[in-house]
């Protein structure tokens, strides 16, 4: 299920100028299982894009660094209908 996200990340990285940044965010809200699943899918997608970067026969991804960070969100309002 993470392959479409990995392709989207790779596509964005390919067209970014060298040295630019790409942010992928994940809300750590909701049921623990859902939060874990979203985080796992995002981590797998970034890992797959990284593997494509290392593959010398398929230079489809520009070299990149991966940084993870937790950020506290203030005043987050639930969407209509709830989470």
PDB file of N, CA and C in Angstrom:
ATOM      1  N   UNK A   1       0.813  -1.208   0.000  1.00  0.00           N
ATOM      2  CA  UNK A   1       0.000   0.000   0.000  1.00  0.00           C
ATOM      3  C   UNK A   1       0.851   1.264   0.000  1.00  0.00           C
ATOM      4  N   UNK A   2       2.121   1.160   0.277  1.00  0.00           N
ATOM      5  CA  UNK A   2       2.955   2.351   0.343  1.00  0.00           C
ATOM      6  C   UNK A   2       3.608   2.689  -0.995  1.00  0.00           C
ATOM      7  N   UNK A   3       3.506   1.818  -1.994  1.00  0.00           N
ATOM      8  CA  UNK A   3       4.178   2.053  -3.270  1.00  0.00           C
ATOM      9  C   UNK A   3       3.702   3.330  -3.976  1.00  0.00           C
ATOM     10  N   UNK A   4       2.393   3.634  -4.024  1.00  0.00           N
ATOM     11  CA  UNK A   4       1.988   4.903  -4.636  1.00  0.00           C
ATOM     12  C   UNK A   4       2.595   6.119  -3.924  1.00  0.00           C
ATOM     13  N   UNK A   5       2.680   6.060  -2.602  1.00  0.00           N
ATOM     14  CA  UNK A   5       3.294   7.159  -1.855  1.00  0.00           C
ATOM     15  C   UNK A   5       4.789   7.237  -2.154  1.00  0.00           C
ATOM     16  N   UNK A   6       5.465   6.099  -2.260  1.00  0.00           N
ATOM     17  CA  UNK A   6       6.889   6.088  -2.603  1.00  0.00           C
ATOM     18  C   UNK A   6       7.115   6.689  -3.985  1.00  0.00           C
ATOM     19  N   UNK A   7       6.245   6.366  -4.937  1.00  0.00           N
ATOM     20  CA  UNK A   7       6.361   6.932  -6.283  1.00  0.00           C
ATOM     21  C   UNK A   7       6.137   8.435  -6.267  1.00  0.00           C
ATOM     22  N   UNK A   8       5.178   8.890  -5.457  1.00  0.00           N
ATOM     23  CA  UNK A   8       4.923  10.326  -5.350  1.00  0.00           C
ATOM     24  C   UNK A   8       6.118  11.050  -4.743  1.00  0.00           C
ATOM     25  N   UNK A   9       6.721  10.465  -3.716  1.00  0.00           N
ATOM     26  CA  UNK A   9       7.910  11.069  -3.094  1.00  0.00           C
ATOM     27  C   UNK A   9       9.055  11.112  -4.093  1.00  0.00           C
ATOM     28  N   UNK A  10       9.284  10.013  -4.806  1.00  0.00           N
ATOM     29  CA  UNK A  10      10.364   9.963  -5.798  1.00  0.00           C
ATOM     30  C   UNK A  10      10.142  10.984  -6.907  1.00  0.00           C
ATOM     31  N   UNK A  11       8.892  11.137  -7.342  1.00  0.00           N
ATOM     32  CA  UNK A  11       8.587  12.105  -8.395  1.00  0.00           C
ATOM     33  C   UNK A  11       8.868  13.521  -7.925  1.00  0.00           C
ATOM     34  N   UNK A  12       8.428  13.840  -6.712  1.00  0.00           N
ATOM     35  CA  UNK A  12       8.687  15.181  -6.181  1.00  0.00           C
ATOM     36  C   UNK A  12      10.181  15.434  -6.026  1.00  0.00           C
ATOM     37  N   UNK A  13      10.915  14.439  -5.543  1.00  0.00           N
ATOM     38  CA  UNK A  13      12.362  14.607  -5.367  1.00  0.00           C
ATOM     39  C   UNK A  13      13.062  14.797  -6.704  1.00  0.00           C
ATOM     40  N   UNK A  14      12.579  14.111  -7.723  1.00  0.00           N
ATOM     41  CA  UNK A  14      13.214  14.201  -9.044  1.00  0.00           C
ATOM     42  C   UNK A  14      13.135  15.616  -9.606  1.00  0.00           C
ATOM     43  N   UNK A  15      12.020  16.306  -9.368  1.00  0.00           N
ATOM     44  CA  UNK A  15      11.819  17.619  -9.973  1.00  0.00           C
ATOM     45  C   UNK A  15      12.248  18.781  -9.086  1.00  0.00           C
ATOM     46  N   UNK A  16      12.608  18.498  -7.845  1.00  0.00           N
ATOM     47  CA  UNK A  16      13.094  19.571  -6.969  1.00  0.00           C
ATOM     48  C   UNK A  16      14.503  19.985  -7.372  1.00  0.00           C
ATOM     49  N   UNK A  17      14.804  21.276  -7.321  1.00  0.00           N
ATOM     50  CA  UNK A  17      16.185  21.697  -7.533  1.00  0.00           C
ATOM     51  C   UNK A  17      17.087  21.130  -6.438  1.00  0.00           C
ATOM     52  N   UNK A  18      18.317  20.881  -6.770  1.00  0.00           N
ATOM     53  CA  UNK A  18      19.264  20.328  -5.801  1.00  0.00           C
ATOM     54  C   UNK A  18      19.372  21.242  -4.588  1.00  0.00           C
ATOM     55  N   UNK A  19      19.276  20.663  -3.405  1.00  0.00           N
ATOM     56  CA  UNK A  19      19.381  21.430  -2.169  1.00  0.00           C
ATOM     57  C   UNK A  19      18.033  21.846  -1.592  1.00  0.00           C
ATOM     58  N   UNK A  20      16.931  21.683  -2.337  1.00  0.00           N
ATOM     59  CA  UNK A  20      15.605  22.028  -1.822  1.00  0.00           C
ATOM     60  C   UNK A  20      15.093  20.942  -0.887  1.00  0.00           C
ATOM     61  N   UNK A  21      13.989  21.225  -0.216  1.00  0.00           N
ATOM     62  CA  UNK A  21      13.432  20.309   0.777  1.00  0.00           C
ATOM     63  C   UNK A  21      12.049  19.834   0.369  1.00  0.00           C
ATOM     64  N   UNK A  22      11.726  18.645   0.830  1.00  0.00           N
ATOM     65  CA  UNK A  22      10.393  18.073   0.657  1.00  0.00           C
ATOM     66  C   UNK A  22       9.936  17.595   2.028  1.00  0.00           C
ATOM     67  N   UNK A  23       8.758  18.006   2.433  1.00  0.00           N
ATOM     68  CA  UNK A  23       8.229  17.595   3.738  1.00  0.00           C
ATOM     69  C   UNK A  23       7.078  16.619   3.543  1.00  0.00           C
ATOM     70  N   UNK A  24       7.089  15.559   4.305  1.00  0.00           N
ATOM     71  CA  UNK A  24       5.980  14.605   4.348  1.00  0.00           C
ATOM     72  C   UNK A  24       5.546  14.523   5.799  1.00  0.00           C
ATOM     73  N   UNK A  25       4.294  14.852   6.073  1.00  0.00           N
ATOM     74  CA  UNK A  25       3.814  14.908   7.447  1.00  0.00           C
ATOM     75  C   UNK A  25       2.811  13.807   7.728  1.00  0.00           C
ATOM     76  N   UNK A  26       2.734  13.451   8.994  1.00  0.00           N
ATOM     77  CA  UNK A  26       1.801  12.440   9.458  1.00  0.00           C
ATOM     78  C   UNK A  26       1.271  12.868  10.815  1.00  0.00           C
ATOM     79  N   UNK A  27      -0.041  12.979  10.935  1.00  0.00           N
ATOM     80  CA  UNK A  27      -0.622  13.326  12.234  1.00  0.00           C
ATOM     81  C   UNK A  27      -0.605  12.113  13.151  1.00  0.00           C
ATOM     82  N   UNK A  28      -0.150  12.317  14.359  1.00  0.00           N
ATOM     83  CA  UNK A  28      -0.107  11.247  15.351  1.00  0.00           C
ATOM     84  C   UNK A  28      -1.344  11.329  16.235  1.00  0.00           C
ATOM     85  N   UNK A  29      -2.496  11.356  15.594  1.00  0.00           N
ATOM     86  CA  UNK A  29      -3.767  11.427  16.306  1.00  0.00           C
ATOM     87  C   UNK A  29      -4.624  10.240  15.909  1.00  0.00           C
ATOM     88  N   UNK A  30      -5.603   9.945  16.708  1.00  0.00           N
ATOM     89  CA  UNK A  30      -6.510   8.852  16.419  1.00  0.00           C
ATOM     90  C   UNK A  30      -6.115   7.604  17.176  1.00  0.00           C
ATOM     91  N   UNK A  31      -6.678   6.495  16.760  1.00  0.00           N
ATOM     92  CA  UNK A  31      -6.386   5.219  17.401  1.00  0.00           C
ATOM     93  C   UNK A  31      -4.924   4.849  17.193  1.00  0.00           C
ATOM     94  N   UNK A  32      -4.337   4.186  18.170  1.00  0.00           N
ATOM     95  CA  UNK A  32      -2.920   3.819  18.110  1.00  0.00           C
ATOM     96  C   UNK A  32      -2.616   2.974  16.875  1.00  0.00           C
ATOM     97  N   UNK A  33      -3.503   2.048  16.553  1.00  0.00           N
ATOM     98  CA  UNK A  33      -3.277   1.188  15.390  1.00  0.00           C
ATOM     99  C   UNK A  33      -3.224   2.009  14.100  1.00  0.00           C
ATOM    100  N   UNK A  34      -4.131   2.969  13.953  1.00  0.00           N
ATOM    101  CA  UNK A  34      -4.148   3.811  12.757  1.00  0.00           C
ATOM    102  C   UNK A  34      -2.920   4.702  12.676  1.00  0.00           C
ATOM    103  N   UNK A  35      -2.525   5.259  13.813  1.00  0.00           N
ATOM    104  CA  UNK A  35      -1.325   6.090  13.847  1.00  0.00           C
ATOM    105  C   UNK A  35      -0.101   5.273  13.461  1.00  0.00           C
ATOM    106  N   UNK A  36       0.012   4.079  14.018  1.00  0.00           N
ATOM    107  CA  UNK A  36       1.144   3.212  13.707  1.00  0.00           C
ATOM    108  C   UNK A  36       1.148   2.846  12.226  1.00  0.00           C
ATOM    109  N   UNK A  37      -0.011   2.519  11.664  1.00  0.00           N
ATOM    110  CA  UNK A  37      -0.111   2.122  10.266  1.00  0.00           C
ATOM    111  C   UNK A  37       0.300   3.265   9.339  1.00  0.00           C
ATOM    112  N   UNK A  38      -0.168   4.485   9.617  1.00  0.00           N
ATOM    113  CA  UNK A  38       0.205   5.639   8.784  1.00  0.00           C
ATOM    114  C   UNK A  38       1.700   5.917   8.869  1.00  0.00           C
ATOM    115  N   UNK A  39       2.247   5.850  10.079  1.00  0.00           N
ATOM    116  CA  UNK A  39       3.680   6.100  10.265  1.00  0.00           C
ATOM    117  C   UNK A  39       4.506   5.021   9.576  1.00  0.00           C
ATOM    118  N   UNK A  40       4.092   3.779   9.687  1.00  0.00           N
ATOM    119  CA  UNK A  40       4.788   2.662   9.054  1.00  0.00           C
ATOM    120  C   UNK A  40       4.783   2.814   7.530  1.00  0.00           C
ATOM    121  N   UNK A  41       3.630   3.192   6.973  1.00  0.00           N
ATOM    122  CA  UNK A  41       3.532   3.371   5.517  1.00  0.00           C
ATOM    123  C   UNK A  41       4.421   4.512   5.038  1.00  0.00           C
ATOM    124  N   UNK A  42       4.458   5.612   5.780  1.00  0.00           N
ATOM    125  CA  UNK A  42       5.298   6.741   5.401  1.00  0.00           C
ATOM    126  C   UNK A  42       6.773   6.361   5.472  1.00  0.00           C
ATOM    127  N   UNK A  43       7.172   5.679   6.531  1.00  0.00           N
ATOM    128  CA  UNK A  43       8.570   5.245   6.668  1.00  0.00           C
ATOM    129  C   UNK A  43       8.958   4.283   5.551  1.00  0.00           C
ATOM    130  N   UNK A  44       8.073   3.355   5.204  1.00  0.00           N
ATOM    131  CA  UNK A  44       8.360   2.429   4.110  1.00  0.00           C
ATOM    132  C   UNK A  44       8.454   3.144   2.771  1.00  0.00           C
ATOM    133  N   UNK A  45       7.619   4.130   2.545  1.00  0.00           N
ATOM    134  CA  UNK A  45       7.662   4.878   1.295  1.00  0.00           C
ATOM    135  C   UNK A  45       8.983   5.626   1.147  1.00  0.00           C
ATOM    136  N   UNK A  46       9.429   6.277   2.212  1.00  0.00           N
ATOM    137  CA  UNK A  46      10.716   6.990   2.161  1.00  0.00           C
ATOM    138  C   UNK A  46      11.861   5.996   1.982  1.00  0.00           C
ATOM    139  N   UNK A  47      11.792   4.855   2.658  1.00  0.00           N
ATOM    140  CA  UNK A  47      12.831   3.829   2.506  1.00  0.00           C
ATOM    141  C   UNK A  47      12.877   3.307   1.072  1.00  0.00           C
ATOM    142  N   UNK A  48      11.724   3.121   0.441  1.00  0.00           N
ATOM    143  CA  UNK A  48      11.698   2.652  -0.940  1.00  0.00           C
ATOM    144  C   UNK A  48      12.292   3.693  -1.876  1.00  0.00           C
ATOM    145  N   UNK A  49      11.960   4.957  -1.675  1.00  0.00           N
ATOM    146  CA  UNK A  49      12.548   6.021  -2.495  1.00  0.00           C
ATOM    147  C   UNK A  49      14.061   6.051  -2.317  1.00  0.00           C
ATOM    148  N   UNK A  50      14.524   5.822  -1.109  1.00  0.00           N
ATOM    149  CA  UNK A  50      15.968   5.770  -0.842  1.00  0.00           C
ATOM    150  C   UNK A  50      16.611   4.597  -1.576  1.00  0.00           C
ATOM    151  N   UNK A  51      15.947   3.432  -1.580  1.00  0.00           N
ATOM    152  CA  UNK A  51      16.474   2.266  -2.303  1.00  0.00           C
ATOM    153  C   UNK A  51      16.573   2.555  -3.802  1.00  0.00           C
ATOM    154  N   UNK A  52      15.578   3.246  -4.341  1.00  0.00           N
ATOM    155  CA  UNK A  52      15.636   3.606  -5.764  1.00  0.00           C
ATOM    156  C   UNK A  52      16.800   4.538  -6.017  1.00  0.00           C
ATOM    157  N   UNK A  53      17.108   5.397  -5.064  1.00  0.00           N
ATOM    158  CA  UNK A  53      18.246   6.318  -5.202  1.00  0.00           C
ATOM    159  C   UNK A  53      19.554   5.546  -5.282  1.00  0.00           C
ATOM    160  N   UNK A  54      19.674   4.468  -4.510  1.00  0.00           N
ATOM    161  CA  UNK A  54      20.919   3.704  -4.457  1.00  0.00           C
ATOM    162  C   UNK A  54      21.103   2.770  -5.638  1.00  0.00           C
ATOM    163  N   UNK A  55      20.033   2.471  -6.365  1.00  0.00           N
ATOM    164  CA  UNK A  55      20.097   1.545  -7.484  1.00  0.00           C
ATOM    165  C   UNK A  55      20.800   2.222  -8.664  1.00  0.00           C
ATOM    166  N   UNK A  56      22.020   1.774  -9.018  1.00  0.00           N
ATOM    167  CA  UNK A  56      22.773   2.458 -10.073  1.00  0.00           C
ATOM    168  C   UNK A  56      22.165   2.295 -11.466  1.00  0.00           C
ATOM    169  N   UNK A  57      21.345   1.272 -11.685  1.00  0.00           N
ATOM    170  CA  UNK A  57      20.756   1.075 -13.009  1.00  0.00           C
ATOM    171  C   UNK A  57      19.492   1.897 -13.195  1.00  0.00           C
ATOM    172  N   UNK A  58      18.983   2.467 -12.121  1.00  0.00           N
ATOM    173  CA  UNK A  58      17.731   3.212 -12.188  1.00  0.00           C
ATOM    174  C   UNK A  58      17.898   4.546 -11.463  1.00  0.00           C
ATOM    175  N   UNK A  59      18.534   5.492 -12.109  1.00  0.00           N
ATOM    176  CA  UNK A  59      18.793   6.791 -11.490  1.00  0.00           C
ATOM    177  C   UNK A  59      17.576   7.700 -11.620  1.00  0.00           C
ATOM    178  N   UNK A  60      16.509   7.335 -10.954  1.00  0.00           N
ATOM    179  CA  UNK A  60      15.276   8.112 -11.069  1.00  0.00           C
ATOM    180  C   UNK A  60      15.073   9.071  -9.897  1.00  0.00           C
ATOM    181  N   UNK A  61      15.905   8.969  -8.882  1.00  0.00           N
ATOM    182  CA  UNK A  61      15.726   9.802  -7.696  1.00  0.00           C
ATOM    183  C   UNK A  61      17.009  10.577  -7.418  1.00  0.00           C
ATOM    184  N   UNK A  62      16.848  11.852  -7.195  1.00  0.00           N
ATOM    185  CA  UNK A  62      17.974  12.716  -6.842  1.00  0.00           C
ATOM    186  C   UNK A  62      18.453  12.355  -5.427  1.00  0.00           C
ATOM    187  N   UNK A  63      19.760  12.377  -5.150  1.00  0.00           N
ATOM    188  CA  UNK A  63      20.242  12.076  -3.784  1.00  0.00           C
ATOM    189  C   UNK A  63      19.561  12.981  -2.746  1.00  0.00           C
ATOM    190  N   UNK A  64      19.202  12.395  -1.607  1.00  0.00           N
ATOM    191  CA  UNK A  64      18.524  13.171  -0.573  1.00  0.00           C
ATOM    192  C   UNK A  64      18.910  12.677   0.811  1.00  0.00           C
ATOM    193  N   UNK A  65      18.685  13.536   1.810  1.00  0.00           N
ATOM    194  CA  UNK A  65      18.852  13.189   3.204  1.00  0.00           C
ATOM    195  C   UNK A  65      17.461  13.045   3.819  1.00  0.00           C
ATOM    196  N   UNK A  66      17.337  12.151   4.759  1.00  0.00           N
ATOM    197  CA  UNK A  66      16.053  11.950   5.436  1.00  0.00           C
ATOM    198  C   UNK A  66      16.195  12.405   6.883  1.00  0.00           C
ATOM    199  N   UNK A  67      15.272  13.254   7.323  1.00  0.00           N
ATOM    200  CA  UNK A  67      15.266  13.764   8.685  1.00  0.00           C
ATOM    201  C   UNK A  67      13.866  13.555   9.251  1.00  0.00           C
ATOM    202  N   UNK A  68      13.774  13.026  10.454  1.00  0.00           N
ATOM    203  CA  UNK A  68      12.482  12.835  11.126  1.00  0.00           C
ATOM    204  C   UNK A  68      12.430  13.714  12.358  1.00  0.00           C
ATOM    205  N   UNK A  69      11.267  14.261  12.618  1.00  0.00           N
ATOM    206  CA  UNK A  69      11.130  15.172  13.748  1.00  0.00           C
ATOM    207  C   UNK A  69       9.691  15.150  14.247  1.00  0.00           C
ATOM    208  N   UNK A  70       9.524  15.190  15.552  1.00  0.00           N
ATOM    209  CA  UNK A  70       8.196  15.329  16.147  1.00  0.00           C
ATOM    210  C   UNK A  70       7.926  16.805  16.364  1.00  0.00           C
ATOM    211  N   UNK A  71       6.720  17.226  16.044  1.00  0.00           N
ATOM    212  CA  UNK A  71       6.361  18.631  16.189  1.00  0.00           C
ATOM    213  C   UNK A  71       5.009  18.703  16.860  1.00  0.00           C
ATOM    214  N   UNK A  72       4.916  19.497  17.918  1.00  0.00           N
ATOM    215  CA  UNK A  72       3.644  19.668  18.619  1.00  0.00           C
ATOM    216  C   UNK A  72       2.791  20.674  17.846  1.00  0.00           C
ATOM    217  N   UNK A  73       1.561  20.278  17.578  1.00  0.00           N
ATOM    218  CA  UNK A  73       0.640  21.141  16.851  1.00  0.00           C
ATOM    219  C   UNK A  73      -0.301  21.788  17.853  1.00  0.00           C
ATOM    220  N   UNK A  74      -0.352  23.086  17.845  1.00  0.00           N
ATOM    221  CA  UNK A  74      -1.228  23.836  18.741  1.00  0.00           C
ATOM    222  C   UNK A  74      -2.553  24.136  18.038  1.00  0.00           C
ATOM    223  N   UNK A  75      -3.610  24.109  18.771  1.00  0.00           N
ATOM    224  CA  UNK A  75      -4.939  24.509  18.282  1.00  0.00           C
ATOM    225  C   UNK A  75      -5.372  23.724  17.058  1.00  0.00           C
ATOM    226  N   UNK A  76      -5.161  22.430  17.063  1.00  0.00           N
ATOM    227  CA  UNK A  76      -5.596  21.599  15.954  1.00  0.00           C
ATOM    228  C   UNK A  76      -7.079  21.303  16.111  1.00  0.00           C
ATOM    229  N   UNK A  77      -7.853  21.680  15.128  1.00  0.00           N
ATOM    230  CA  UNK A  77      -9.294  21.476  15.161  1.00  0.00           C
ATOM    231  C   UNK A  77      -9.654  20.223  14.374  1.00  0.00           C
ATOM    232  N   UNK A  78     -10.507  19.344  14.944  1.00  0.00           N
ATOM    233  CA  UNK A  78     -10.924  18.163  14.201  1.00  0.00           C
ATOM    234  C   UNK A  78     -11.780  18.555  13.009  1.00  0.00           C
ATOM    235  N   UNK A  79     -11.688  17.809  11.910  1.00  0.00           N
ATOM    236  CA  UNK A  79     -12.543  18.111  10.758  1.00  0.00           C
ATOM    237  C   UNK A  79     -13.992  17.819  11.084  1.00  0.00           C
ATOM    238  N   UNK A  80     -14.899  18.348  10.267  1.00  0.00           N
ATOM    239  CA  UNK A  80     -16.321  18.091  10.483  1.00  0.00           C
ATOM    240  C   UNK A  80     -16.567  16.592  10.409  1.00  0.00           C
ATOM    241  N   UNK A  81     -17.253  16.056  11.365  1.00  0.00           N
ATOM    242  CA  UNK A  81     -17.491  14.629  11.403  1.00  0.00           C
ATOM    243  C   UNK A  81     -16.498  13.901  12.280  1.00  0.00           C
ATOM    244  N   UNK A  82     -15.477  14.606  12.793  1.00  0.00           N
ATOM    245  CA  UNK A  82     -14.479  13.996  13.690  1.00  0.00           C
ATOM    246  C   UNK A  82     -13.339  13.331  12.964  1.00  0.00           C
ATOM    247  N   UNK A  83     -12.453  12.749  13.754  1.00  0.00           N
ATOM    248  CA  UNK A  83     -11.287  12.065  13.208  1.00  0.00           C
ATOM    249  C   UNK A  83     -11.729  10.743  12.706  1.00  0.00           C
TER     250      UNK A  83
END
